């Protein structure tokens, strides 16, 4: 971004708020799986163990969350 940090702050704040609003639409399990896999790159196998799900179910959970974050029901 160009400009000073003061100019970037409103945009960064708006992005943070928008992301929080979108994450609120996800179930707790979707939110956890989406963040752990999408932002931290945790493998499905490890997330599955945390959520007591199969890796395949975890992949579906992340895919569903990603679709909802992208604006598709």
Protein backbone atom coordinates (compact mmCIF):
# COMPACT_ATOMS: atom_id res chain seq x y z
CA UNK A 1 0.00 0.00 0.00
CA UNK A 2 1.18 3.50 -0.69
CA UNK A 3 1.03 6.34 1.78
CA UNK A 4 1.54 6.58 5.47
CA UNK A 5 0.39 4.11 8.08
CA UNK A 6 -2.31 6.58 9.11
CA UNK A 7 -3.84 6.38 5.63
CA UNK A 8 -3.70 2.56 5.61
CA UNK A 9 -5.32 2.09 9.01
CA UNK A 10 -8.95 2.70 7.94
CA UNK A 11 -8.62 0.19 5.09
CA UNK A 12 -6.93 -2.39 7.33
CA UNK A 13 -9.61 -1.89 9.97
CA UNK A 14 -12.36 -2.29 7.37
CA UNK A 15 -10.80 -5.51 6.08
CA UNK A 16 -10.48 -6.89 9.62
CA UNK A 17 -14.11 -6.08 10.38
CA UNK A 18 -15.30 -7.60 7.12
CA UNK A 19 -13.34 -10.79 7.80
CA UNK A 20 -14.79 -11.02 11.30
CA UNK A 21 -18.32 -10.59 9.92
CA UNK A 22 -17.73 -13.37 7.40
CA UNK A 23 -16.19 -15.68 10.00
CA UNK A 24 -19.24 -15.16 12.23
CA UNK A 25 -21.38 -16.81 9.55
CA UNK A 26 -19.45 -20.06 9.93
CA UNK A 27 -20.13 -22.70 12.54
CA UNK A 28 -17.44 -23.05 15.22
CA UNK A 29 -16.10 -26.23 13.57
CA UNK A 30 -16.05 -24.58 10.13
CA UNK A 31 -14.33 -21.52 11.53
CA UNK A 32 -11.66 -23.57 13.28
CA UNK A 33 -11.00 -25.80 10.28
CA UNK A 34 -10.98 -22.85 7.86
CA UNK A 35 -8.51 -20.84 9.94
CA UNK A 36 -6.22 -23.73 10.83
CA UNK A 37 -6.02 -25.02 7.27
CA UNK A 38 -6.39 -21.84 5.23
CA UNK A 39 -4.30 -19.46 7.32
CA UNK A 40 -1.89 -21.76 9.13
CA UNK A 41 -1.62 -24.62 6.62
CA UNK A 42 -2.37 -27.33 9.16
CA UNK A 43 -2.99 -30.67 7.40
CA UNK A 44 -6.53 -32.06 7.31
CA UNK A 45 -5.39 -35.10 9.32
CA UNK A 46 -4.34 -32.93 12.28
CA UNK A 47 -7.50 -30.80 12.15
CA UNK A 48 -9.58 -33.97 11.94
CA UNK A 49 -8.01 -35.26 15.15
CA UNK A 50 -8.83 -31.99 16.92
CA UNK A 51 -12.45 -32.05 15.75
CA UNK A 52 -12.91 -35.82 16.14
CA UNK A 53 -13.77 -36.12 12.43
CA UNK A 54 -12.36 -38.08 9.54
CA UNK A 55 -9.91 -36.28 7.24
CA UNK A 56 -12.49 -36.53 4.43
CA UNK A 57 -15.16 -34.88 6.60
CA UNK A 58 -12.66 -32.19 7.55
CA UNK A 59 -11.87 -31.52 3.87
CA UNK A 60 -15.60 -31.09 3.21
CA UNK A 61 -15.91 -28.79 6.22
CA UNK A 62 -13.09 -26.57 4.93
CA UNK A 63 -14.51 -26.62 1.39
CA UNK A 64 -17.96 -25.63 2.67
CA UNK A 65 -16.45 -22.83 4.77
CA UNK A 66 -14.41 -21.58 1.81
CA UNK A 67 -17.54 -21.47 -0.37
CA UNK A 68 -19.41 -19.49 2.28
CA UNK A 69 -16.49 -17.10 2.73
CA UNK A 70 -16.43 -16.63 -1.05
CA UNK A 71 -20.11 -15.66 -0.89
CA UNK A 72 -21.72 -18.87 -2.10
CA UNK A 73 -24.34 -20.55 0.09
